[in-house]
Protein backbone atom coordinates (compact mmCIF):
# COMPACT_ATOMS: atom_id res chain seq x y z
CA MET A 1 81.11 79.23 124.89
CA HIS A 2 83.05 76.21 123.66
CA ARG A 3 81.40 73.37 121.81
CA PRO A 4 81.03 70.16 123.88
CA ARG A 5 83.49 67.41 123.09
CA ALA A 6 82.25 64.21 121.46
CA THR A 7 82.49 62.42 124.80
CA SER A 8 80.06 64.87 126.36
CA PHE A 9 77.58 64.35 123.49
CA CYS A 10 77.65 60.57 123.82
CA LEU A 11 77.04 60.72 127.56
CA ALA A 12 74.23 63.22 127.20
CA THR A 13 72.59 61.12 124.49
CA LEU A 14 72.75 58.05 126.72
CA ALA A 15 71.17 60.05 129.53
CA ALA A 16 68.41 61.35 127.26
CA ALA A 17 67.42 57.83 126.22
CA ALA A 18 67.27 56.66 129.81
CA LEU A 19 65.16 59.60 130.92
CA ALA A 20 62.18 58.37 128.90
CA THR A 21 61.60 55.93 131.75
CA HIS A 22 63.61 57.64 134.53
CA PRO A 23 62.84 61.38 134.40
CA ALA A 24 64.01 61.92 137.98
CA LEU A 25 67.59 61.28 136.88
CA GLY A 26 67.81 64.64 135.12
CA ASP A 27 66.31 66.76 132.41
CA GLU A 28 68.36 66.00 129.31
CA PRO A 29 66.41 66.63 126.10
CA THR A 30 65.68 63.73 123.76
CA MET A 31 67.84 63.81 120.62
CA ASN A 32 67.07 62.11 117.33
CA ALA A 33 69.54 60.12 115.29
CA GLY A 34 71.60 62.47 113.13
CA ASP A 35 71.09 65.52 115.36
CA GLN A 36 74.18 67.64 115.86
CA PRO A 37 75.70 67.93 119.36
CA THR A 38 74.65 71.39 120.51
CA MET A 39 74.10 70.65 124.19
CA SER A 40 75.02 73.21 126.84
CA ARG A 41 74.42 73.90 130.52
CA ASP A 42 71.26 75.69 129.42
CA ASP A 43 69.60 72.43 128.35
CA GLY A 44 70.97 68.95 128.86
CA LEU A 45 74.06 69.30 131.02
CA PRO A 46 74.28 70.28 134.69
CA ARG A 47 74.68 73.93 135.54
CA ASN A 48 76.15 73.05 138.95
CA ILE A 49 78.17 70.03 140.07
CA ILE A 50 78.62 68.89 143.67
CA LEU A 51 81.12 66.05 144.07
CA PHE A 52 81.08 64.33 147.46
CA ILE A 53 84.06 62.15 148.35
CA GLY A 54 83.90 59.87 151.38
CA ASP A 55 87.58 59.26 152.05
CA GLY A 56 88.01 55.57 152.82
CA MET A 57 84.29 54.86 152.31
CA GLY A 58 83.50 51.34 151.13
CA ALA A 59 80.27 49.36 151.07
CA SER A 60 80.71 48.17 154.65
CA GLN A 61 81.20 51.70 155.94
CA ILE A 62 77.88 52.60 154.32
CA THR A 63 76.30 49.44 155.74
CA ALA A 64 77.37 50.28 159.28
CA ALA A 65 76.07 53.84 158.99
CA ARG A 66 72.74 52.62 157.59
CA ILE A 67 72.30 50.16 160.46
CA ALA A 68 72.99 52.93 162.97
CA GLN A 69 70.97 55.62 161.17
CA GLY A 70 68.08 53.54 159.89
CA GLU A 71 67.92 55.40 156.59
CA LEU A 72 70.59 57.35 154.71
CA SER A 73 70.52 60.36 152.42
CA LEU A 74 72.55 58.18 150.05
CA GLU A 75 69.38 56.20 149.42
CA ARG A 76 67.89 59.23 147.67
CA LEU A 77 70.37 58.96 144.79
CA PRO A 78 68.78 56.82 142.05
CA VAL A 79 71.92 55.92 140.07
CA GLY A 80 74.55 53.59 141.49
CA GLY A 81 77.65 51.68 140.50
CA LEU A 82 81.20 50.75 141.43
CA ILE A 83 84.55 52.42 140.85
CA ALA A 84 87.96 50.72 140.52
CA THR A 85 90.61 52.70 142.38
CA HIS A 86 94.12 51.41 141.48
CA ALA A 87 96.96 53.88 140.93
CA ALA A 88 99.30 53.94 137.93
CA ASN A 89 102.01 52.19 139.91
CA ALA A 90 100.10 50.15 142.49
CA LEU A 91 96.97 48.06 142.93
CA VAL A 92 96.29 49.80 146.23
CA THR A 93 96.01 53.55 145.81
CA ASP A 94 96.51 56.48 148.11
CA SER A 95 94.29 59.56 148.20
CA ALA A 96 96.59 61.64 146.00
CA ALA A 97 96.60 59.19 143.09
CA SER A 98 92.92 58.32 143.35
CA GLY A 99 91.99 61.95 143.87
CA THR A 100 93.98 62.90 140.78
CA ALA A 101 91.95 60.39 138.75
CA LEU A 102 88.69 61.82 140.11
CA ALA A 103 89.80 65.39 139.47
CA THR A 104 91.57 65.06 136.12
CA GLY A 105 90.68 61.73 134.51
CA HIS A 106 94.34 60.65 134.59
CA LYS A 107 96.09 57.87 136.47
CA THR A 108 99.21 58.82 138.39
CA GLN A 109 101.71 57.49 140.92
CA ASN A 110 100.83 57.22 144.59
CA GLY A 111 101.67 60.43 146.41
CA VAL A 112 101.47 62.65 143.32
CA VAL A 113 99.05 65.58 143.11
CA SER A 114 97.44 66.18 139.69
CA LEU A 115 100.43 65.35 137.54
CA SER A 116 100.21 62.53 135.01
CA ALA A 117 102.10 59.27 135.47
CA GLU A 118 104.77 60.84 133.24
CA GLY A 119 104.98 63.92 135.47
CA GLU A 120 103.10 66.31 133.18
CA LEU A 121 100.64 68.86 134.55
CA VAL A 122 97.05 67.83 133.82
CA PRO A 123 94.14 70.27 134.30
CA THR A 124 91.54 69.55 136.95
CA VAL A 125 87.78 69.81 136.72
CA ALA A 126 87.89 72.73 139.17
CA GLU A 127 90.42 74.60 137.06
CA ILE A 128 88.42 74.00 133.91
CA ALA A 129 85.26 75.11 135.70
CA GLU A 130 87.03 78.35 136.66
CA ARG A 131 88.13 78.85 133.08
CA GLU A 132 84.54 78.40 131.93
CA GLY A 133 83.34 81.05 134.35
CA LEU A 134 81.92 78.84 137.10
CA ALA A 135 82.47 79.53 140.78
CA THR A 136 84.47 76.85 142.61
CA GLY A 137 84.90 75.69 146.17
CA THR A 138 85.86 72.92 148.54
CA VAL A 139 84.66 71.95 152.01
CA VAL A 140 86.62 69.31 153.92
CA THR A 141 87.12 67.99 157.45
CA CYS A 142 90.91 67.94 157.13
CA SER A 143 93.56 70.49 156.21
CA VAL A 144 92.68 72.06 152.87
CA THR A 145 96.24 71.18 151.79
CA HIS A 146 95.62 67.47 152.34
CA ALA A 147 95.72 65.14 149.34
CA THR A 148 92.06 65.09 148.28
CA PRO A 149 91.33 68.83 148.30
CA ALA A 150 94.82 69.49 146.92
CA VAL A 151 94.28 67.53 143.71
CA PHE A 152 91.50 69.88 142.60
CA PHE A 153 93.50 73.11 142.94
CA ALA A 154 97.22 72.23 142.89
CA HIS A 155 99.91 70.28 141.05
CA THR A 156 103.01 68.89 142.75
CA GLU A 157 105.13 65.76 142.80
CA SER A 158 104.44 65.08 146.47
CA ARG A 159 101.32 65.38 148.60
CA GLN A 160 103.66 66.35 151.46
CA ASN A 161 104.44 69.71 149.84
CA HIS A 162 101.79 71.45 151.92
CA THR A 163 103.12 74.99 151.57
CA VAL A 164 103.44 74.58 147.80
CA ILE A 165 99.85 73.35 147.73
CA ALA A 166 98.74 76.29 149.87
CA ASP A 167 100.50 78.70 147.49
CA GLN A 168 98.72 77.21 144.51
CA ILE A 169 95.31 77.18 146.19
CA VAL A 170 95.62 80.91 146.85
CA GLU A 171 96.79 81.53 143.29
CA SER A 172 93.79 79.62 141.91
CA GLY A 173 90.40 81.22 141.37
CA ILE A 174 88.77 79.38 144.27
CA ASP A 175 85.73 81.12 145.75
CA VAL A 176 84.95 79.05 148.87
CA LEU A 177 87.64 77.36 150.97
CA VAL A 178 86.55 75.63 154.19
CA GLY A 179 88.46 73.22 156.41
CA GLY A 180 91.64 73.31 158.46
CA GLY A 181 95.29 74.01 157.77
CA TRP A 182 95.81 77.72 158.40
CA SER A 183 99.35 76.99 159.65
CA TYR A 184 100.41 76.54 156.00
CA PHE A 185 98.99 79.96 155.08
CA VAL A 186 100.55 82.25 157.72
CA PRO A 187 104.13 83.64 157.79
CA ALA A 188 106.90 81.74 159.57
CA SER A 189 107.07 84.39 162.28
CA GLU A 190 103.52 83.59 163.45
CA ASP A 191 102.99 80.98 166.16
CA GLU A 192 102.19 77.49 164.84
CA SER A 193 103.15 78.42 161.29
CA ARG A 194 104.51 75.57 159.18
CA ARG A 195 105.94 77.86 156.50
CA LYS A 196 109.61 78.69 156.05
CA ASP A 197 108.99 82.13 154.55
CA GLU A 198 107.14 85.30 155.50
CA ARG A 199 104.47 85.03 152.84
CA ASN A 200 101.03 85.69 154.33
CA LEU A 201 98.57 83.76 152.20
CA LEU A 202 95.61 84.63 154.40
CA ALA A 203 96.25 88.31 153.74
CA GLU A 204 96.45 87.58 150.02
CA LEU A 205 93.14 85.72 150.12
CA GLY A 206 91.73 88.57 152.17
CA GLU A 207 92.23 90.93 149.27
CA ARG A 208 89.35 89.24 147.44
CA MET A 209 87.19 87.58 150.11
CA PRO A 210 86.49 87.48 153.86
CA VAL A 211 88.97 85.20 155.67
CA VAL A 212 88.19 83.87 159.15
CA ARG A 213 89.70 81.33 161.51
CA SER A 214 86.73 80.43 163.69
CA VAL A 215 83.39 78.80 163.08
CA GLU A 216 81.66 81.63 164.92
CA GLU A 217 83.16 84.23 162.58
CA PHE A 218 82.24 82.12 159.56
CA ARG A 219 78.66 81.84 160.75
CA ALA A 220 78.54 85.61 161.21
CA LEU A 221 79.47 86.37 157.60
CA GLY A 222 76.64 88.10 155.82
CA ASP A 223 75.85 88.00 152.12
CA VAL A 224 79.21 87.33 150.47
CA ASP A 225 80.27 86.11 147.04
CA ALA A 226 83.34 84.27 148.35
CA ALA A 227 84.76 83.21 151.72
CA THR A 228 87.57 81.31 153.43
CA GLY A 229 87.14 79.60 156.78
CA LEU A 230 90.15 77.72 158.17
CA PHE A 231 89.24 76.48 161.62
CA ALA A 232 92.38 74.68 162.80
CA PRO A 233 96.15 75.04 162.34
CA ARG A 234 96.21 71.58 160.80
CA HIS A 235 93.25 69.18 160.88
CA PRO A 236 89.91 69.94 162.59
CA ALA A 237 88.85 67.62 165.39
CA GLY A 238 86.69 64.58 164.81
CA VAL A 239 82.96 65.09 164.39
CA GLU A 240 82.16 64.55 168.08
CA LYS A 241 84.41 67.50 169.06
CA ARG A 242 84.40 69.59 165.90
CA GLY A 243 81.67 71.99 166.94
CA TYR A 244 80.01 72.09 163.54
CA SER A 245 78.75 69.61 160.99
CA LEU A 246 79.94 69.01 157.46
CA ALA A 247 76.31 69.56 156.41
CA GLU A 248 76.29 73.07 157.88
CA MET A 249 79.43 74.05 156.01
CA THR A 250 78.18 72.42 152.81
CA GLU A 251 74.93 74.38 152.99
CA ARG A 252 76.83 77.63 153.51
CA ALA A 253 79.24 76.90 150.65
CA ILE A 254 76.34 76.17 148.30
CA GLU A 255 74.58 79.35 149.38
CA ILE A 256 77.67 81.40 148.50
CA LEU A 257 78.55 79.63 145.26
CA ALA A 258 74.96 79.64 143.98
CA ARG A 259 75.14 83.43 143.79
CA ASP A 260 77.19 82.99 140.61
CA ASP A 261 74.84 83.14 137.62
CA ASP A 262 77.15 80.89 135.56
CA GLY A 263 76.95 77.95 137.97
CA PHE A 264 79.48 76.29 140.27
CA PHE A 265 81.64 73.26 141.02
CA LEU A 266 81.97 72.17 144.66
CA MET A 267 83.96 69.28 146.12
CA VAL A 268 83.00 68.14 149.62
CA GLU A 269 85.07 65.53 151.46
CA GLY A 270 84.23 63.50 154.54
CA SER A 271 87.94 63.26 155.28
CA GLN A 272 87.99 61.44 158.60
CA ILE A 273 86.08 58.31 157.61
CA ASP A 274 89.50 57.23 156.37
CA TRP A 275 91.25 57.97 159.64
CA ALA A 276 88.72 55.94 161.62
CA GLY A 277 89.38 53.06 159.23
CA HIS A 278 93.13 53.34 159.78
CA ASP A 279 92.49 53.22 163.54
CA SER A 280 90.07 50.25 163.30
CA ASP A 281 87.58 52.51 165.04
CA LEU A 282 84.04 51.26 164.46
CA ALA A 283 82.35 54.08 166.39
CA GLY A 284 84.46 56.63 164.55
CA ILE A 285 83.50 55.20 161.16
CA ILE A 286 79.81 55.38 162.01
CA ALA A 287 80.04 58.93 163.41
CA GLU A 288 82.02 60.29 160.45
CA MET A 289 79.82 58.43 157.95
CA ARG A 290 76.67 59.91 159.49
CA ASP A 291 78.19 63.38 159.34
CA PHE A 292 79.13 62.85 155.69
CA ASP A 293 75.70 61.47 154.83
CA GLU A 294 74.00 64.53 156.33
CA ALA A 295 76.16 66.70 154.08
CA VAL A 296 75.07 64.61 151.07
CA GLY A 297 71.50 65.27 152.17
CA ALA A 298 72.15 69.01 152.19
CA GLY A 299 73.52 68.82 148.67
CA LEU A 300 70.55 66.77 147.50
CA ASP A 301 68.08 69.20 149.05
CA PHE A 302 69.59 71.97 146.96
CA ALA A 303 69.79 69.83 143.83
CA GLU A 304 66.15 68.74 144.07
CA ALA A 305 64.97 72.32 144.47
CA ASP A 306 67.29 73.67 141.79
CA GLY A 307 66.71 71.08 139.04
CA ARG A 308 70.00 71.88 137.30
CA THR A 309 72.50 70.39 139.72
CA LEU A 310 74.37 67.10 139.39
CA VAL A 311 75.31 65.40 142.65
CA VAL A 312 77.94 62.64 142.54
CA VAL A 313 78.97 60.70 145.64
CA THR A 314 81.92 58.33 145.66
CA ALA A 315 85.14 57.45 147.50
CA ASP A 316 88.82 57.63 146.71
CA HIS A 317 89.43 54.14 148.14
CA GLU A 318 88.32 51.82 150.93
CA THR A 319 90.23 51.84 154.22
CA GLY A 320 90.66 49.02 156.71
CA GLY A 321 89.21 46.05 154.85
CA PHE A 322 86.22 46.73 157.07
CA ALA A 323 83.34 44.26 157.44
CA VAL A 324 80.19 44.18 159.56
CA HIS A 325 79.76 40.80 161.28
CA ALA A 326 76.86 41.25 163.69
CA GLY A 327 74.34 43.77 164.94
CA SER A 328 70.67 44.65 165.05
CA ILE A 329 68.54 46.58 162.58
CA ASP A 330 65.84 47.06 165.23
CA ASP A 331 68.28 48.33 167.86
CA ARG A 332 70.32 50.28 165.29
CA LYS A 333 73.57 48.81 166.54
CA VAL A 334 76.61 47.17 165.00
CA THR A 335 77.87 44.80 167.68
CA GLU A 336 80.70 43.08 165.84
CA ALA A 337 82.99 44.19 163.03
CA ALA A 338 86.42 43.29 161.76
CA PHE A 339 89.30 44.85 159.86
CA THR A 340 91.74 43.06 157.60
CA SER A 341 94.17 45.97 157.37
CA ALA A 342 95.29 49.20 158.99
CA GLY A 343 95.71 50.66 155.51
CA HIS A 344 93.87 51.06 152.25
CA THR A 345 92.55 48.16 150.19
CA ALA A 346 92.00 47.56 146.47
CA THR A 347 88.26 46.96 146.92
CA MET A 348 86.07 48.80 144.43
CA VAL A 349 84.11 51.65 145.99
CA PRO A 350 80.50 52.72 145.45
CA ILE A 351 79.40 55.65 143.30
CA PHE A 352 75.96 57.29 143.40
CA ALA A 353 74.51 60.13 141.36
CA TYR A 354 71.45 62.35 141.00
CA GLY A 355 70.41 65.03 138.53
CA PRO A 356 71.26 66.06 134.96
CA GLY A 357 73.96 63.77 133.55
CA SER A 358 73.68 61.26 136.40
CA VAL A 359 72.79 58.27 134.23
CA ALA A 360 76.36 58.07 132.94
CA PHE A 361 77.66 57.02 136.36
CA GLY A 362 75.68 53.77 136.60
CA GLY A 363 77.63 50.53 136.27
CA ILE A 364 81.27 49.67 136.84
CA HIS A 365 83.93 52.19 135.85
CA ASP A 366 87.53 53.11 136.48
CA ASN A 367 87.99 56.15 138.72
CA THR A 368 89.35 58.10 135.73
CA PHE A 369 85.84 57.92 134.25
CA VAL A 370 84.62 60.26 136.97
CA GLY A 371 87.18 62.91 136.10
CA THR A 372 86.73 62.71 132.35
CA THR A 373 82.95 62.76 132.62
CA LEU A 374 82.80 65.73 134.98
CA ILE A 375 85.26 67.62 132.80
CA SER A 376 83.13 66.90 129.73
CA TYR A 377 80.17 68.44 131.55
CA VAL A 378 81.93 71.72 132.39
CA GLU A 379 84.15 72.11 129.32
CA HIS A 380 82.07 73.98 126.73
């Protein structure tokens, strides 16, 4: 086991001091001045990490969901703050650049997947977790080759290189892969394939885990140590027509990954909050936000029972310049809202955290802070 970097020690020490008055934030041990940094996942750092990303989720998206829901799972996370989201080359980021910062701790150009601003490959928290012996997975409501899931398991100069991303996902050590996008994994000769070669990535994945293309088959899987479920040729339908919840898939992913005695890293994305923002779709924002929040609740249920799991919830950027103008708390309705844009904005996005190491995420940070901090927690 590697020795924690100095950054990890500083963050853990900060957390330990705060826990004297906030024990629910985690279980970091108190350290005296002059003590040597000998922390590991066995004591002060999280054994498991679940990172939730609400794509396009800003404060107003959360506000609308809270009005409609009455109470959110997000309210169970005791640590909160804000994250700046700009890319290396633009004030307004896209999901690839912001996702790269969350996954690697490095700024990059819009459209680039886990390469530095200078074009160099930078390791991701998922890759480092794999190297350290942790199980890894991702659950998303888009194609698994889309920008946000891609940045955790692939490296390429363009987020549009879906088949390259699919190749690299299969070549990674990923243990749970859930979402859409099977058309990028099947040979060109198969109907609906988006590949230009005859490589069958689903067969390659099938050599080390069950691979299914329907929710029913995924639900029928028994006790497994790894699994792939790709439920659409490209993107799954919106939550109202999807036929399953993000919470259900999150629970199943956690169940599988938690079988690894060394711990796990899981990234869960509520992908279509963003698309509703692009479409100025108030009802869509609320529906996708509620689906995402239920998934956060599933992660928190596990973390609270486990006691060794860090849950972090944030966004890659805000979409739509969305604002709530009128509604009723009693009736649980938003009756008037507005959008300033059909695209992303530069607005800072919320971050919430619970569990060992969560104290570090309070306050205002750059999005690279998320990546560097998570990496410091898994790199031992």
